N, C-alpha and C. Protein backbone atom coordinates (compact mmCIF):
# COMPACT_ATOMS: atom_id res chain seq x y z
N MET A 1 0.84 -1.18 0.00
CA MET A 1 0.00 0.00 0.00
C MET A 1 0.89 1.25 0.00
N SER A 2 0.60 2.17 -0.87
CA SER A 2 1.38 3.39 -1.01
C SER A 2 0.82 4.48 -0.12
N LEU A 3 1.71 5.19 0.56
CA LEU A 3 1.29 6.29 1.42
C LEU A 3 1.50 7.65 0.77
N GLN A 4 1.89 7.65 -0.50
CA GLN A 4 2.11 8.91 -1.19
C GLN A 4 0.77 9.58 -1.45
N PRO A 5 0.69 10.88 -1.20
CA PRO A 5 -0.59 11.57 -1.44
C PRO A 5 -0.88 11.60 -2.94
N THR A 6 -2.13 11.40 -3.26
CA THR A 6 -2.53 11.51 -4.66
C THR A 6 -2.79 12.98 -4.96
N GLU A 7 -2.40 13.39 -6.12
CA GLU A 7 -2.55 14.78 -6.50
C GLU A 7 -3.97 15.02 -6.99
N GLU A 8 -4.69 15.89 -6.32
CA GLU A 8 -6.04 16.20 -6.71
C GLU A 8 -6.02 17.24 -7.82
N PRO A 9 -6.96 17.15 -8.75
CA PRO A 9 -7.01 18.18 -9.79
C PRO A 9 -7.33 19.53 -9.14
N GLN A 10 -6.62 20.55 -9.58
CA GLN A 10 -6.79 21.87 -8.99
C GLN A 10 -8.10 22.49 -9.47
N ALA A 11 -8.85 23.03 -8.53
CA ALA A 11 -10.11 23.69 -8.86
C ALA A 11 -9.83 24.99 -9.62
N PRO A 12 -10.76 25.41 -10.45
CA PRO A 12 -10.56 26.69 -11.13
C PRO A 12 -10.49 27.82 -10.12
N PRO A 13 -9.79 28.90 -10.44
CA PRO A 13 -9.66 30.01 -9.50
C PRO A 13 -11.02 30.61 -9.15
N ARG A 14 -11.12 31.05 -7.92
CA ARG A 14 -12.37 31.65 -7.44
C ARG A 14 -12.48 33.12 -7.82
N GLY A 15 -11.39 33.71 -8.29
CA GLY A 15 -11.42 35.11 -8.66
C GLY A 15 -10.04 35.59 -9.06
N HIS A 16 -9.96 36.85 -9.43
CA HIS A 16 -8.70 37.47 -9.83
C HIS A 16 -8.60 38.82 -9.15
N VAL A 17 -7.44 39.11 -8.59
CA VAL A 17 -7.19 40.42 -7.98
C VAL A 17 -5.87 40.98 -8.49
N ARG A 18 -5.82 42.29 -8.58
CA ARG A 18 -4.60 43.00 -8.98
C ARG A 18 -4.33 44.04 -7.91
N VAL A 19 -3.14 43.99 -7.34
CA VAL A 19 -2.72 44.96 -6.33
C VAL A 19 -1.91 46.03 -7.06
N VAL A 20 -2.37 47.27 -7.01
CA VAL A 20 -1.78 48.36 -7.77
C VAL A 20 -1.15 49.37 -6.82
N TYR A 21 0.12 49.70 -7.09
CA TYR A 21 0.81 50.76 -6.34
C TYR A 21 0.42 52.10 -6.93
N LEU A 22 -0.11 52.99 -6.09
CA LEU A 22 -0.61 54.29 -6.55
C LEU A 22 0.42 55.40 -6.49
N GLY A 23 1.52 55.19 -5.79
CA GLY A 23 2.54 56.22 -5.71
C GLY A 23 2.94 56.51 -4.27
N PRO A 24 3.85 57.48 -4.10
CA PRO A 24 4.43 57.74 -2.79
C PRO A 24 3.49 58.41 -1.79
N VAL A 25 2.36 58.93 -2.24
CA VAL A 25 1.43 59.60 -1.32
C VAL A 25 0.36 58.60 -0.90
N ALA A 26 0.12 58.50 0.41
CA ALA A 26 -0.88 57.57 0.94
C ALA A 26 -2.27 57.98 0.46
N PRO A 27 -3.17 57.07 0.16
CA PRO A 27 -2.97 55.62 0.25
C PRO A 27 -2.09 55.13 -0.90
N HIS A 28 -1.20 54.20 -0.57
CA HIS A 28 -0.24 53.71 -1.55
C HIS A 28 -0.83 52.64 -2.47
N TRP A 29 -1.90 51.97 -2.06
CA TRP A 29 -2.35 50.76 -2.74
C TRP A 29 -3.83 50.78 -3.09
N ARG A 30 -4.16 50.04 -4.16
CA ARG A 30 -5.54 49.80 -4.56
C ARG A 30 -5.62 48.33 -4.96
N VAL A 31 -6.71 47.68 -4.63
CA VAL A 31 -6.90 46.28 -5.01
C VAL A 31 -8.10 46.22 -5.96
N ASP A 32 -7.84 45.80 -7.21
CA ASP A 32 -8.88 45.69 -8.22
C ASP A 32 -9.21 44.22 -8.44
N SER A 33 -10.38 43.96 -8.99
CA SER A 33 -10.78 42.60 -9.28
C SER A 33 -11.41 42.53 -10.66
N ASP A 34 -11.05 41.49 -11.43
CA ASP A 34 -11.64 41.28 -12.75
C ASP A 34 -12.85 40.37 -12.68
N PHE A 35 -12.79 39.35 -11.82
CA PHE A 35 -13.93 38.45 -11.67
C PHE A 35 -13.83 37.75 -10.32
N GLY A 36 -14.93 37.18 -9.89
CA GLY A 36 -14.95 36.43 -8.64
C GLY A 36 -16.10 36.87 -7.75
N ASP A 37 -16.34 36.07 -6.72
CA ASP A 37 -17.38 36.34 -5.74
C ASP A 37 -17.04 37.63 -4.98
N ARG A 38 -17.96 38.56 -4.98
CA ARG A 38 -17.69 39.88 -4.38
C ARG A 38 -17.30 39.79 -2.90
N SER A 39 -17.95 38.89 -2.16
CA SER A 39 -17.65 38.80 -0.73
C SER A 39 -16.24 38.26 -0.50
N VAL A 40 -15.82 37.27 -1.29
CA VAL A 40 -14.46 36.72 -1.17
C VAL A 40 -13.44 37.78 -1.53
N ILE A 41 -13.68 38.50 -2.62
CA ILE A 41 -12.76 39.55 -3.07
C ILE A 41 -12.68 40.67 -2.04
N GLU A 42 -13.81 41.08 -1.50
CA GLU A 42 -13.83 42.19 -0.53
C GLU A 42 -13.09 41.81 0.75
N GLU A 43 -13.29 40.58 1.23
CA GLU A 43 -12.57 40.14 2.43
C GLU A 43 -11.07 40.09 2.17
N PHE A 44 -10.68 39.59 0.99
CA PHE A 44 -9.25 39.56 0.63
C PHE A 44 -8.72 40.99 0.54
N ARG A 45 -9.48 41.89 -0.08
CA ARG A 45 -9.06 43.30 -0.23
C ARG A 45 -8.78 43.91 1.14
N GLN A 46 -9.66 43.69 2.09
CA GLN A 46 -9.48 44.25 3.43
C GLN A 46 -8.21 43.73 4.09
N ARG A 47 -7.96 42.42 3.98
CA ARG A 47 -6.76 41.84 4.59
C ARG A 47 -5.50 42.35 3.89
N ALA A 48 -5.52 42.42 2.56
CA ALA A 48 -4.35 42.87 1.81
C ALA A 48 -4.03 44.32 2.13
N LEU A 49 -5.04 45.18 2.12
CA LEU A 49 -4.80 46.59 2.41
C LEU A 49 -4.33 46.81 3.84
N ALA A 50 -4.79 45.98 4.78
CA ALA A 50 -4.32 46.09 6.16
C ALA A 50 -2.83 45.78 6.23
N ARG A 51 -2.36 44.84 5.41
CA ARG A 51 -0.94 44.49 5.43
C ARG A 51 -0.07 45.50 4.69
N LEU A 52 -0.65 46.20 3.71
CA LEU A 52 0.14 47.08 2.85
C LEU A 52 -0.10 48.56 3.09
N LEU A 53 -1.02 48.92 3.95
CA LEU A 53 -1.54 50.27 4.09
C LEU A 53 -0.49 51.37 4.00
N LEU A 54 0.50 51.36 4.83
CA LEU A 54 1.48 52.45 4.87
C LEU A 54 2.84 52.06 4.33
N LEU A 55 2.90 50.98 3.55
CA LEU A 55 4.19 50.49 3.07
C LEU A 55 4.40 50.79 1.59
N PRO A 56 5.38 51.60 1.26
CA PRO A 56 5.76 51.72 -0.15
C PRO A 56 6.59 50.50 -0.54
N PRO A 57 6.72 50.20 -1.84
CA PRO A 57 7.43 48.99 -2.27
C PRO A 57 8.90 48.92 -1.86
N HIS A 58 9.54 50.04 -1.58
CA HIS A 58 10.97 50.01 -1.22
C HIS A 58 11.18 49.74 0.27
N ASP A 59 10.12 49.69 1.06
CA ASP A 59 10.23 49.42 2.50
C ASP A 59 10.55 47.94 2.71
N PRO A 60 11.51 47.62 3.58
CA PRO A 60 11.85 46.21 3.83
C PRO A 60 10.66 45.37 4.32
N GLN A 61 9.75 45.96 5.06
CA GLN A 61 8.57 45.24 5.54
C GLN A 61 7.66 44.84 4.38
N PHE A 62 7.72 45.59 3.28
CA PHE A 62 6.86 45.30 2.12
C PHE A 62 7.11 43.89 1.59
N ARG A 63 8.36 43.49 1.50
CA ARG A 63 8.67 42.15 0.96
C ARG A 63 8.03 41.06 1.80
N ARG A 64 8.10 41.18 3.12
CA ARG A 64 7.48 40.17 4.00
C ARG A 64 5.96 40.18 3.84
N ASN A 65 5.39 41.36 3.82
CA ASN A 65 3.94 41.44 3.71
C ASN A 65 3.45 41.04 2.32
N ARG A 66 4.26 41.28 1.30
CA ARG A 66 3.89 40.84 -0.05
C ARG A 66 3.77 39.32 -0.09
N GLU A 67 4.68 38.63 0.56
CA GLU A 67 4.61 37.17 0.63
C GLU A 67 3.37 36.72 1.39
N ARG A 68 3.02 37.42 2.45
CA ARG A 68 1.82 37.07 3.21
C ARG A 68 0.56 37.27 2.37
N VAL A 69 0.51 38.34 1.60
CA VAL A 69 -0.63 38.59 0.71
C VAL A 69 -0.69 37.48 -0.34
N ALA A 70 0.45 37.08 -0.89
CA ALA A 70 0.49 36.02 -1.90
C ALA A 70 0.00 34.70 -1.32
N ARG A 71 0.42 34.37 -0.11
CA ARG A 71 -0.05 33.13 0.53
C ARG A 71 -1.55 33.18 0.80
N ASP A 72 -2.04 34.34 1.20
CA ASP A 72 -3.47 34.51 1.43
C ASP A 72 -4.25 34.28 0.13
N ALA A 73 -3.77 34.85 -0.97
CA ALA A 73 -4.43 34.66 -2.27
C ALA A 73 -4.41 33.18 -2.66
N GLU A 74 -3.30 32.51 -2.39
CA GLU A 74 -3.20 31.09 -2.71
C GLU A 74 -4.21 30.27 -1.89
N ARG A 75 -4.33 30.58 -0.61
CA ARG A 75 -5.30 29.87 0.24
C ARG A 75 -6.73 30.08 -0.24
N GLU A 76 -7.03 31.29 -0.70
CA GLU A 76 -8.37 31.61 -1.18
C GLU A 76 -8.58 31.17 -2.63
N ASN A 77 -7.54 30.63 -3.26
CA ASN A 77 -7.57 30.20 -4.66
C ASN A 77 -7.92 31.37 -5.59
N LEU A 78 -7.21 32.49 -5.38
CA LEU A 78 -7.37 33.68 -6.21
C LEU A 78 -6.13 33.87 -7.06
N LEU A 79 -6.32 34.29 -8.30
CA LEU A 79 -5.20 34.69 -9.14
C LEU A 79 -4.76 36.07 -8.68
N LEU A 80 -3.46 36.26 -8.51
CA LEU A 80 -2.94 37.51 -7.96
C LEU A 80 -1.92 38.11 -8.91
N ASP A 81 -2.11 39.37 -9.24
CA ASP A 81 -1.14 40.14 -10.04
C ASP A 81 -0.73 41.37 -9.25
N TRP A 82 0.50 41.80 -9.46
CA TRP A 82 1.01 43.01 -8.82
C TRP A 82 1.35 44.02 -9.91
N ASP A 83 0.95 45.26 -9.72
CA ASP A 83 1.33 46.36 -10.60
C ASP A 83 2.03 47.39 -9.73
N LEU A 84 3.37 47.33 -9.74
CA LEU A 84 4.16 48.24 -8.91
C LEU A 84 4.57 49.50 -9.67
N GLY A 85 4.09 49.63 -10.89
CA GLY A 85 4.40 50.81 -11.66
C GLY A 85 5.80 50.84 -12.22
N GLN A 86 6.48 49.71 -12.18
CA GLN A 86 7.83 49.59 -12.71
C GLN A 86 8.03 48.18 -13.21
N PRO A 87 8.97 47.97 -14.12
CA PRO A 87 9.21 46.61 -14.60
C PRO A 87 9.71 45.71 -13.49
N ASP A 88 9.36 44.42 -13.56
CA ASP A 88 9.83 43.46 -12.56
C ASP A 88 11.32 43.25 -12.73
N GLU A 89 12.04 43.46 -11.65
CA GLU A 89 13.48 43.20 -11.62
C GLU A 89 13.89 43.01 -10.18
N ASP A 90 14.95 42.29 -9.97
CA ASP A 90 15.43 42.04 -8.61
C ASP A 90 16.13 43.28 -8.09
N ASP A 91 15.67 43.76 -6.93
CA ASP A 91 16.30 44.93 -6.32
C ASP A 91 17.49 44.50 -5.48
N ASP A 92 18.56 45.22 -5.57
CA ASP A 92 19.75 44.93 -4.77
C ASP A 92 19.77 45.75 -3.49
N SER A 93 18.77 46.61 -3.30
CA SER A 93 18.77 47.47 -2.12
C SER A 93 18.10 46.81 -0.95
């Protein structure tokens, strides 16, 4: 008897959210949605904005909170996009 977990087919995403950086003046962030259950999206939006409220992307705390937002989206089975207003590249700072 095998104890290896069987891989379940992944359910389709429950929604899509895009986290947009608005600039250096607070509020820094906006969370948009293309599709999905409004209540799920709104609850996710509240949690994400609570984590990002006063953090610009160059703040060291932003990286930790960005990972938390990504894990939250994964748990909720939401597609997540980030729009930081700049091309994706690894920062050395």
